[in-house]
Amino acid sequence: MSEEYIREEKVVDKSNDEKDLELIVSVLKTKQDLDLAHKNFEFAEEGLIDYFSYQIKANQTKLDYLMKKARKKGIALDMINEMYLRNNKAQ
């Protein structure tokens, strides 16, 4: 019984612009998730208070990490905040 070698396709690396855009999208999504967790916490019943407080802490930690990463890459955080505010006004 012989095994046949199956050639794998080469993984294409993303460009720096694609990586930066992905980072910006992650920041915006995390900010939205954090806002939602805050809103849910405000109206949470007794059994869900801990759950939403953990979500807030997790999203805040993730946002801090992503913002630090964006600063290191030289991405303008004002631009991210402007995009975020524009998205929230449209909704």
PDB file of N, CA and C in Angstrom:
ATOM      1  N   MET A   1       0.832  -1.171   0.000  1.00  0.00           N
ATOM      2  CA  MET A   1       0.000   0.000   0.000  1.00  0.00           C
ATOM      3  C   MET A   1       0.886   1.247   0.000  1.00  0.00           C
ATOM      4  N   SER A   2       0.791   2.059  -0.997  1.00  0.00           N
ATOM      5  CA  SER A   2       1.609   3.260  -1.060  1.00  0.00           C
ATOM      6  C   SER A   2       0.732   4.498  -0.898  1.00  0.00           C
ATOM      7  N   GLU A   3       1.362   5.509  -0.323  1.00  0.00           N
ATOM      8  CA  GLU A   3       0.643   6.764  -0.140  1.00  0.00           C
ATOM      9  C   GLU A   3       1.031   7.722  -1.245  1.00  0.00           C
ATOM     10  N   GLU A   4       0.080   8.489  -1.678  1.00  0.00           N
ATOM     11  CA  GLU A   4       0.334   9.472  -2.719  1.00  0.00           C
ATOM     12  C   GLU A   4       0.504  10.844  -2.080  1.00  0.00           C
ATOM     13  N   TYR A   5       1.514  11.543  -2.514  1.00  0.00           N
ATOM     14  CA  TYR A   5       1.772  12.888  -1.995  1.00  0.00           C
ATOM     15  C   TYR A   5       0.832  13.871  -2.678  1.00  0.00           C
ATOM     16  N   ILE A   6       0.120  14.607  -1.878  1.00  0.00           N
ATOM     17  CA  ILE A   6      -0.777  15.632  -2.413  1.00  0.00           C
ATOM     18  C   ILE A   6      -0.122  16.986  -2.183  1.00  0.00           C
ATOM     19  N   ARG A   7       0.078  17.677  -3.263  1.00  0.00           N
ATOM     20  CA  ARG A   7       0.739  18.978  -3.181  1.00  0.00           C
ATOM     21  C   ARG A   7      -0.208  20.013  -2.583  1.00  0.00           C
ATOM     22  N   GLU A   8       0.288  20.701  -1.574  1.00  0.00           N
ATOM     23  CA  GLU A   8      -0.511  21.749  -0.946  1.00  0.00           C
ATOM     24  C   GLU A   8      -0.303  23.057  -1.689  1.00  0.00           C
ATOM     25  N   GLU A   9      -1.346  23.879  -1.686  1.00  0.00           N
ATOM     26  CA  GLU A   9      -1.232  25.183  -2.322  1.00  0.00           C
ATOM     27  C   GLU A   9      -0.477  26.127  -1.405  1.00  0.00           C
ATOM     28  N   LYS A  10       0.281  27.001  -2.017  1.00  0.00           N
ATOM     29  CA  LYS A  10       1.059  27.967  -1.262  1.00  0.00           C
ATOM     30  C   LYS A  10       0.122  29.012  -0.647  1.00  0.00           C
ATOM     31  N   VAL A  11       0.349  29.311   0.609  1.00  0.00           N
ATOM     32  CA  VAL A  11      -0.438  30.331   1.290  1.00  0.00           C
ATOM     33  C   VAL A  11       0.106  31.688   0.890  1.00  0.00           C
ATOM     34  N   VAL A  12      -0.776  32.547   0.417  1.00  0.00           N
ATOM     35  CA  VAL A  12      -0.372  33.876  -0.016  1.00  0.00           C
ATOM     36  C   VAL A  12      -0.417  34.815   1.180  1.00  0.00           C
ATOM     37  N   ASP A  13       0.699  35.482   1.426  1.00  0.00           N
ATOM     38  CA  ASP A  13       0.767  36.415   2.546  1.00  0.00           C
ATOM     39  C   ASP A  13       0.026  37.697   2.180  1.00  0.00           C
ATOM     40  N   LYS A  14      -0.592  38.301   3.182  1.00  0.00           N
ATOM     41  CA  LYS A  14      -1.330  39.543   2.960  1.00  0.00           C
ATOM     42  C   LYS A  14      -0.362  40.714   2.881  1.00  0.00           C
ATOM     43  N   SER A  15      -0.772  41.722   2.133  1.00  0.00           N
ATOM     44  CA  SER A  15       0.048  42.925   2.034  1.00  0.00           C
ATOM     45  C   SER A  15      -0.089  43.726   3.326  1.00  0.00           C
ATOM     46  N   ASN A  16       0.811  44.684   3.521  1.00  0.00           N
ATOM     47  CA  ASN A  16       0.751  45.520   4.722  1.00  0.00           C
ATOM     48  C   ASN A  16      -0.532  46.333   4.776  1.00  0.00           C
ATOM     49  N   ASP A  17      -1.013  46.799   3.623  1.00  0.00           N
ATOM     50  CA  ASP A  17      -2.262  47.559   3.587  1.00  0.00           C
ATOM     51  C   ASP A  17      -3.446  46.690   4.015  1.00  0.00           C
ATOM     52  N   GLU A  18      -3.450  45.441   3.565  1.00  0.00           N
ATOM     53  CA  GLU A  18      -4.529  44.524   3.953  1.00  0.00           C
ATOM     54  C   GLU A  18      -4.483  44.239   5.454  1.00  0.00           C
ATOM     55  N   LYS A  19      -3.280  44.078   5.988  1.00  0.00           N
ATOM     56  CA  LYS A  19      -3.136  43.842   7.427  1.00  0.00           C
ATOM     57  C   LYS A  19      -3.595  45.051   8.230  1.00  0.00           C
ATOM     58  N   ASP A  20      -3.236  46.261   7.768  1.00  0.00           N
ATOM     59  CA  ASP A  20      -3.652  47.483   8.456  1.00  0.00           C
ATOM     60  C   ASP A  20      -5.165  47.639   8.427  1.00  0.00           C
ATOM     61  N   LEU A  21      -5.781  47.361   7.284  1.00  0.00           N
ATOM     62  CA  LEU A  21      -7.230  47.456   7.168  1.00  0.00           C
ATOM     63  C   LEU A  21      -7.910  46.444   8.096  1.00  0.00           C
ATOM     64  N   GLU A  22      -7.368  45.244   8.153  1.00  0.00           N
ATOM     65  CA  GLU A  22      -7.902  44.216   9.040  1.00  0.00           C
ATOM     66  C   GLU A  22      -7.817  44.650  10.507  1.00  0.00           C
ATOM     67  N   LEU A  23      -6.721  45.299  10.865  1.00  0.00           N
ATOM     68  CA  LEU A  23      -6.544  45.798  12.226  1.00  0.00           C
ATOM     69  C   LEU A  23      -7.574  46.881  12.541  1.00  0.00           C
ATOM     70  N   ILE A  24      -7.791  47.789  11.610  1.00  0.00           N
ATOM     71  CA  ILE A  24      -8.776  48.859  11.806  1.00  0.00           C
ATOM     72  C   ILE A  24     -10.174  48.271  11.965  1.00  0.00           C
ATOM     73  N   VAL A  25     -10.518  47.309  11.137  1.00  0.00           N
ATOM     74  CA  VAL A  25     -11.830  46.661  11.233  1.00  0.00           C
ATOM     75  C   VAL A  25     -11.972  45.953  12.579  1.00  0.00           C
ATOM     76  N   SER A  26     -10.910  45.320  13.053  1.00  0.00           N
ATOM     77  CA  SER A  26     -10.947  44.649  14.355  1.00  0.00           C
ATOM     78  C   SER A  26     -11.171  45.639  15.488  1.00  0.00           C
ATOM     79  N   VAL A  27     -10.512  46.799  15.398  1.00  0.00           N
ATOM     80  CA  VAL A  27     -10.693  47.834  16.419  1.00  0.00           C
ATOM     81  C   VAL A  27     -12.137  48.311  16.433  1.00  0.00           C
ATOM     82  N   LEU A  28     -12.679  48.593  15.251  1.00  0.00           N
ATOM     83  CA  LEU A  28     -14.061  49.070  15.173  1.00  0.00           C
ATOM     84  C   LEU A  28     -15.051  48.039  15.696  1.00  0.00           C
ATOM     85  N   LYS A  29     -14.858  46.779  15.336  1.00  0.00           N
ATOM     86  CA  LYS A  29     -15.763  45.716  15.801  1.00  0.00           C
ATOM     87  C   LYS A  29     -15.661  45.551  17.308  1.00  0.00           C
ATOM     88  N   THR A  30     -14.468  45.619  17.844  1.00  0.00           N
ATOM     89  CA  THR A  30     -14.282  45.474  19.287  1.00  0.00           C
ATOM     90  C   THR A  30     -14.925  46.634  20.033  1.00  0.00           C
ATOM     91  N   LYS A  31     -14.832  47.844  19.482  1.00  0.00           N
ATOM     92  CA  LYS A  31     -15.497  48.993  20.112  1.00  0.00           C
ATOM     93  C   LYS A  31     -17.007  48.793  20.123  1.00  0.00           C
ATOM     94  N   GLN A  32     -17.558  48.284  19.039  1.00  0.00           N
ATOM     95  CA  GLN A  32     -18.992  48.019  18.985  1.00  0.00           C
ATOM     96  C   GLN A  32     -19.382  46.947  20.001  1.00  0.00           C
ATOM     97  N   ASP A  33     -18.587  45.894  20.099  1.00  0.00           N
ATOM     98  CA  ASP A  33     -18.853  44.830  21.063  1.00  0.00           C
ATOM     99  C   ASP A  33     -18.797  45.354  22.497  1.00  0.00           C
ATOM    100  N   LEU A  34     -17.850  46.243  22.759  1.00  0.00           N
ATOM    101  CA  LEU A  34     -17.716  46.827  24.093  1.00  0.00           C
ATOM    102  C   LEU A  34     -18.931  47.695  24.418  1.00  0.00           C
ATOM    103  N   ASP A  35     -19.366  48.510  23.465  1.00  0.00           N
ATOM    104  CA  ASP A  35     -20.552  49.341  23.682  1.00  0.00           C
ATOM    105  C   ASP A  35     -21.786  48.477  23.945  1.00  0.00           C
ATOM    106  N   LEU A  36     -21.918  47.414  23.185  1.00  0.00           N
ATOM    107  CA  LEU A  36     -23.063  46.508  23.364  1.00  0.00           C
ATOM    108  C   LEU A  36     -23.023  45.852  24.736  1.00  0.00           C
ATOM    109  N   ALA A  37     -21.839  45.443  25.170  1.00  0.00           N
ATOM    110  CA  ALA A  37     -21.707  44.817  26.496  1.00  0.00           C
ATOM    111  C   ALA A  37     -22.075  45.818  27.595  1.00  0.00           C
ATOM    112  N   HIS A  38     -21.683  47.086  27.427  1.00  0.00           N
ATOM    113  CA  HIS A  38     -22.057  48.117  28.410  1.00  0.00           C
ATOM    114  C   HIS A  38     -23.577  48.305  28.451  1.00  0.00           C
ATOM    115  N   LYS A  39     -24.207  48.366  27.279  1.00  0.00           N
ATOM    116  CA  LYS A  39     -25.663  48.533  27.222  1.00  0.00           C
ATOM    117  C   LYS A  39     -26.376  47.339  27.843  1.00  0.00           C
ATOM    118  N   ASN A  40     -25.910  46.140  27.530  1.00  0.00           N
ATOM    119  CA  ASN A  40     -26.525  44.936  28.095  1.00  0.00           C
ATOM    120  C   ASN A  40     -26.341  44.882  29.603  1.00  0.00           C
ATOM    121  N   PHE A  41     -25.191  45.344  30.079  1.00  0.00           N
ATOM    122  CA  PHE A  41     -24.930  45.354  31.522  1.00  0.00           C
ATOM    123  C   PHE A  41     -25.919  46.260  32.255  1.00  0.00           C
ATOM    124  N   GLU A  42     -26.236  47.396  31.632  1.00  0.00           N
ATOM    125  CA  GLU A  42     -27.159  48.343  32.249  1.00  0.00           C
ATOM    126  C   GLU A  42     -28.533  47.731  32.504  1.00  0.00           C
ATOM    127  N   PHE A  43     -28.962  46.838  31.616  1.00  0.00           N
ATOM    128  CA  PHE A  43     -30.302  46.253  31.721  1.00  0.00           C
ATOM    129  C   PHE A  43     -30.279  44.788  32.144  1.00  0.00           C
ATOM    130  N   ALA A  44     -29.129  44.311  32.584  1.00  0.00           N
ATOM    131  CA  ALA A  44     -28.990  42.895  32.935  1.00  0.00           C
ATOM    132  C   ALA A  44     -29.759  42.565  34.209  1.00  0.00           C
ATOM    133  N   GLU A  45     -30.319  41.379  34.193  1.00  0.00           N
ATOM    134  CA  GLU A  45     -30.975  40.876  35.396  1.00  0.00           C
ATOM    135  C   GLU A  45     -29.927  40.208  36.264  1.00  0.00           C
ATOM    136  N   GLU A  46     -30.334  39.857  37.444  1.00  0.00           N
ATOM    137  CA  GLU A  46     -29.418  39.358  38.473  1.00  0.00           C
ATOM    138  C   GLU A  46     -28.460  38.263  37.985  1.00  0.00           C
ATOM    139  N   GLY A  47     -28.930  37.320  37.224  1.00  0.00           N
ATOM    140  CA  GLY A  47     -28.100  36.199  36.805  1.00  0.00           C
ATOM    141  C   GLY A  47     -27.090  36.522  35.723  1.00  0.00           C
ATOM    142  N   LEU A  48     -27.276  37.631  35.015  1.00  0.00           N
ATOM    143  CA  LEU A  48     -26.397  37.947  33.881  1.00  0.00           C
ATOM    144  C   LEU A  48     -25.408  39.072  34.148  1.00  0.00           C
ATOM    145  N   ILE A  49     -25.451  39.651  35.320  1.00  0.00           N
ATOM    146  CA  ILE A  49     -24.556  40.770  35.636  1.00  0.00           C
ATOM    147  C   ILE A  49     -23.094  40.350  35.528  1.00  0.00           C
ATOM    148  N   ASP A  50     -22.742  39.216  36.114  1.00  0.00           N
ATOM    149  CA  ASP A  50     -21.357  38.734  36.033  1.00  0.00           C
ATOM    150  C   ASP A  50     -20.940  38.463  34.591  1.00  0.00           C
ATOM    151  N   TYR A  51     -21.841  37.869  33.822  1.00  0.00           N
ATOM    152  CA  TYR A  51     -21.541  37.548  32.427  1.00  0.00           C
ATOM    153  C   TYR A  51     -21.176  38.806  31.640  1.00  0.00           C
ATOM    154  N   PHE A  52     -21.997  39.846  31.766  1.00  0.00           N
ATOM    155  CA  PHE A  52     -21.730  41.069  31.012  1.00  0.00           C
ATOM    156  C   PHE A  52     -20.522  41.826  31.554  1.00  0.00           C
ATOM    157  N   SER A  53     -20.264  41.737  32.847  1.00  0.00           N
ATOM    158  CA  SER A  53     -19.059  42.386  33.378  1.00  0.00           C
ATOM    159  C   SER A  53     -17.803  41.693  32.846  1.00  0.00           C
ATOM    160  N   TYR A  54     -17.836  40.377  32.684  1.00  0.00           N
ATOM    161  CA  TYR A  54     -16.703  39.664  32.084  1.00  0.00           C
ATOM    162  C   TYR A  54     -16.544  40.042  30.608  1.00  0.00           C
ATOM    163  N   GLN A  55     -17.660  40.211  29.906  1.00  0.00           N
ATOM    164  CA  GLN A  55     -17.594  40.630  28.502  1.00  0.00           C
ATOM    165  C   GLN A  55     -16.971  42.017  28.378  1.00  0.00           C
ATOM    166  N   ILE A  56     -17.358  42.906  29.282  1.00  0.00           N
ATOM    167  CA  ILE A  56     -16.795  44.258  29.269  1.00  0.00           C
ATOM    168  C   ILE A  56     -15.288  44.196  29.484  1.00  0.00           C
ATOM    169  N   LYS A  57     -14.861  43.438  30.473  1.00  0.00           N
ATOM    170  CA  LYS A  57     -13.427  43.328  30.786  1.00  0.00           C
ATOM    171  C   LYS A  57     -12.656  42.711  29.607  1.00  0.00           C
ATOM    172  N   ALA A  58     -13.221  41.662  29.010  1.00  0.00           N
ATOM    173  CA  ALA A  58     -12.546  40.997  27.892  1.00  0.00           C
ATOM    174  C   ALA A  58     -12.437  41.924  26.684  1.00  0.00           C
ATOM    175  N   ASN A  59     -13.520  42.611  26.358  1.00  0.00           N
ATOM    176  CA  ASN A  59     -13.496  43.517  25.209  1.00  0.00           C
ATOM    177  C   ASN A  59     -12.587  44.712  25.452  1.00  0.00           C
ATOM    178  N   GLN A  60     -12.540  45.222  26.679  1.00  0.00           N
ATOM    179  CA  GLN A  60     -11.660  46.349  26.987  1.00  0.00           C
ATOM    180  C   GLN A  60     -10.194  45.938  26.866  1.00  0.00           C
ATOM    181  N   THR A  61      -9.868  44.742  27.339  1.00  0.00           N
ATOM    182  CA  THR A  61      -8.500  44.230  27.229  1.00  0.00           C
ATOM    183  C   THR A  61      -8.112  44.037  25.770  1.00  0.00           C
ATOM    184  N   LYS A  62      -9.033  43.487  24.975  1.00  0.00           N
ATOM    185  CA  LYS A  62      -8.776  43.283  23.544  1.00  0.00           C
ATOM    186  C   LYS A  62      -8.589  44.622  22.839  1.00  0.00           C
ATOM    187  N   LEU A  63      -9.431  45.598  23.174  1.00  0.00           N
ATOM    188  CA  LEU A  63      -9.330  46.922  22.558  1.00  0.00           C
ATOM    189  C   LEU A  63      -8.006  47.590  22.917  1.00  0.00           C
ATOM    190  N   ASP A  64      -7.593  47.486  24.170  1.00  0.00           N
ATOM    191  CA  ASP A  64      -6.304  48.053  24.586  1.00  0.00           C
ATOM    192  C   ASP A  64      -5.155  47.446  23.781  1.00  0.00           C
ATOM    193  N   TYR A  65      -5.193  46.130  23.594  1.00  0.00           N
ATOM    194  CA  TYR A  65      -4.160  45.433  22.825  1.00  0.00           C
ATOM    195  C   TYR A  65      -4.150  45.909  21.370  1.00  0.00           C
ATOM    196  N   LEU A  66      -5.325  45.972  20.754  1.00  0.00           N
ATOM    197  CA  LEU A  66      -5.408  46.374  19.348  1.00  0.00           C
ATOM    198  C   LEU A  66      -4.978  47.822  19.151  1.00  0.00           C
ATOM    199  N   MET A  67      -5.344  48.694  20.087  1.00  0.00           N
ATOM    200  CA  MET A  67      -4.958  50.100  19.973  1.00  0.00           C
ATOM    201  C   MET A  67      -3.439  50.255  20.120  1.00  0.00           C
ATOM    202  N   LYS A  68      -2.847  49.492  21.016  1.00  0.00           N
ATOM    203  CA  LYS A  68      -1.391  49.538  21.181  1.00  0.00           C
ATOM    204  C   LYS A  68      -0.702  49.058  19.895  1.00  0.00           C
ATOM    205  N   LYS A  69      -1.261  48.009  19.301  1.00  0.00           N
ATOM    206  CA  LYS A  69      -0.713  47.477  18.057  1.00  0.00           C
ATOM    207  C   LYS A  69      -0.851  48.504  16.923  1.00  0.00           C
ATOM    208  N   ALA A  70      -1.982  49.201  16.881  1.00  0.00           N
ATOM    209  CA  ALA A  70      -2.201  50.224  15.849  1.00  0.00           C
ATOM    210  C   ALA A  70      -1.223  51.379  16.024  1.00  0.00           C
ATOM    211  N   ARG A  71      -0.988  51.785  17.276  1.00  0.00           N
ATOM    212  CA  ARG A  71      -0.031  52.867  17.536  1.00  0.00           C
ATOM    213  C   ARG A  71       1.365  52.496  17.057  1.00  0.00           C
ATOM    214  N   LYS A  72       1.769  51.254  17.328  1.00  0.00           N
ATOM    215  CA  LYS A  72       3.096  50.797  16.909  1.00  0.00           C
ATOM    216  C   LYS A  72       3.237  50.803  15.394  1.00  0.00           C
ATOM    217  N   LYS A  73       2.139  50.519  14.686  1.00  0.00           N
ATOM    218  CA  LYS A  73       2.170  50.502  13.226  1.00  0.00           C
ATOM    219  C   LYS A  73       2.019  51.887  12.634  1.00  0.00           C
ATOM    220  N   GLY A  74       1.760  52.870  13.473  1.00  0.00           N
ATOM    221  CA  GLY A  74       1.635  54.237  12.993  1.00  0.00           C
ATOM    222  C   GLY A  74       0.277  54.557  12.392  1.00  0.00           C
ATOM    223  N   ILE A  75      -0.719  53.747  12.705  1.00  0.00           N
ATOM    224  CA  ILE A  75      -2.069  54.002  12.201  1.00  0.00           C
ATOM    225  C   ILE A  75      -2.677  55.124  13.028  1.00  0.00           C
ATOM    226  N   ALA A  76      -3.239  56.099  12.358  1.00  0.00           N
ATOM    227  CA  ALA A  76      -3.814  57.256  13.037  1.00  0.00           C
ATOM    228  C   ALA A  76      -5.062  56.850  13.803  1.00  0.00           C
ATOM    229  N   LEU A  77      -4.989  56.949  15.124  1.00  0.00           N
ATOM    230  CA  LEU A  77      -6.111  56.541  15.958  1.00  0.00           C
ATOM    231  C   LEU A  77      -7.272  57.513  15.829  1.00  0.00           C
ATOM    232  N   ASP A  78      -6.993  58.761  15.501  1.00  0.00           N
ATOM    233  CA  ASP A  78      -8.070  59.722  15.286  1.00  0.00           C
ATOM    234  C   ASP A  78      -8.937  59.293  14.113  1.00  0.00           C
ATOM    235  N   MET A  79      -8.313  58.733  13.094  1.00  0.00           N
ATOM    236  CA  MET A  79      -9.050  58.268  11.934  1.00  0.00           C
ATOM    237  C   MET A  79      -9.968  57.104  12.319  1.00  0.00           C
ATOM    238  N   ILE A  80      -9.466  56.204  13.158  1.00  0.00           N
ATOM    239  CA  ILE A  80     -10.273  55.071  13.615  1.00  0.00           C
ATOM    240  C   ILE A  80     -11.467  55.580  14.416  1.00  0.00           C
ATOM    241  N   ASN A  81     -11.223  56.523  15.329  1.00  0.00           N
ATOM    242  CA  ASN A  81     -12.313  57.069  16.139  1.00  0.00           C
ATOM    243  C   ASN A  81     -13.336  57.793  15.274  1.00  0.00           C
ATOM    244  N   GLU A  82     -12.873  58.510  14.263  1.00  0.00           N
ATOM    245  CA  GLU A  82     -13.784  59.210  13.358  1.00  0.00           C
ATOM    246  C   GLU A  82     -14.665  58.219  12.599  1.00  0.00           C
ATOM    247  N   MET A  83     -14.060  57.125  12.114  1.00  0.00           N
ATOM    248  CA  MET A  83     -14.823  56.095  11.407  1.00  0.00           C
ATOM    249  C   MET A  83     -15.848  55.456  12.335  1.00  0.00           C
ATOM    250  N   TYR A  84     -15.451  55.238  13.568  1.00  0.00           N
ATOM    251  CA  TYR A  84     -16.340  54.621  14.553  1.00  0.00           C
ATOM    252  C   TYR A  84     -17.537  55.519  14.826  1.00  0.00           C
ATOM    253  N   LEU A  85     -17.295  56.802  15.036  1.00  0.00           N
ATOM    254  CA  LEU A  85     -18.389  57.734  15.303  1.00  0.00           C
ATOM    255  C   LEU A  85     -19.321  57.852  14.105  1.00  0.00           C
ATOM    256  N   ARG A  86     -18.752  57.862  12.910  1.00  0.00           N
ATOM    257  CA  ARG A  86     -19.556  57.938  11.696  1.00  0.00           C
ATOM    258  C   ARG A  86     -20.449  56.700  11.570  1.00  0.00           C
ATOM    259  N   ASN A  87     -19.922  55.525  11.884  1.00  0.00           N
ATOM    260  CA  ASN A  87     -20.706  54.287  11.811  1.00  0.00           C
ATOM    261  C   ASN A  87     -21.851  54.303  12.819  1.00  0.00           C
ATOM    262  N   ASN A  88     -21.600  54.791  14.024  1.00  0.00           N
ATOM    263  CA  ASN A  88     -22.629  54.809  15.040  1.00  0.00           C
ATOM    264  C   ASN A  88     -23.737  55.816  14.728  1.00  0.00           C
ATOM    265  N   LYS A  89     -23.410  56.928  14.096  1.00  0.00           N
ATOM    266  CA  LYS A  89     -24.436  57.906  13.729  1.00  0.00           C
ATOM    267  C   LYS A  89     -25.328  57.364  12.620  1.00  0.00           C
ATOM    268  N   ALA A  90     -24.750  56.542  11.728  1.00  0.00           N
ATOM    269  CA  ALA A  90     -25.508  55.998  10.605  1.00  0.00           C
ATOM    270  C   ALA A  90     -26.510  54.943  11.074  1.00  0.00           C
ATOM    271  N   GLN A  91     -26.254  54.314  12.220  1.00  0.00           N
ATOM    272  CA  GLN A  91     -27.125  53.233  12.692  1.00  0.00           C
ATOM    273  C   GLN A  91     -28.260  53.724  13.476  1.00  0.00           C
TER     274      GLN A  91
END
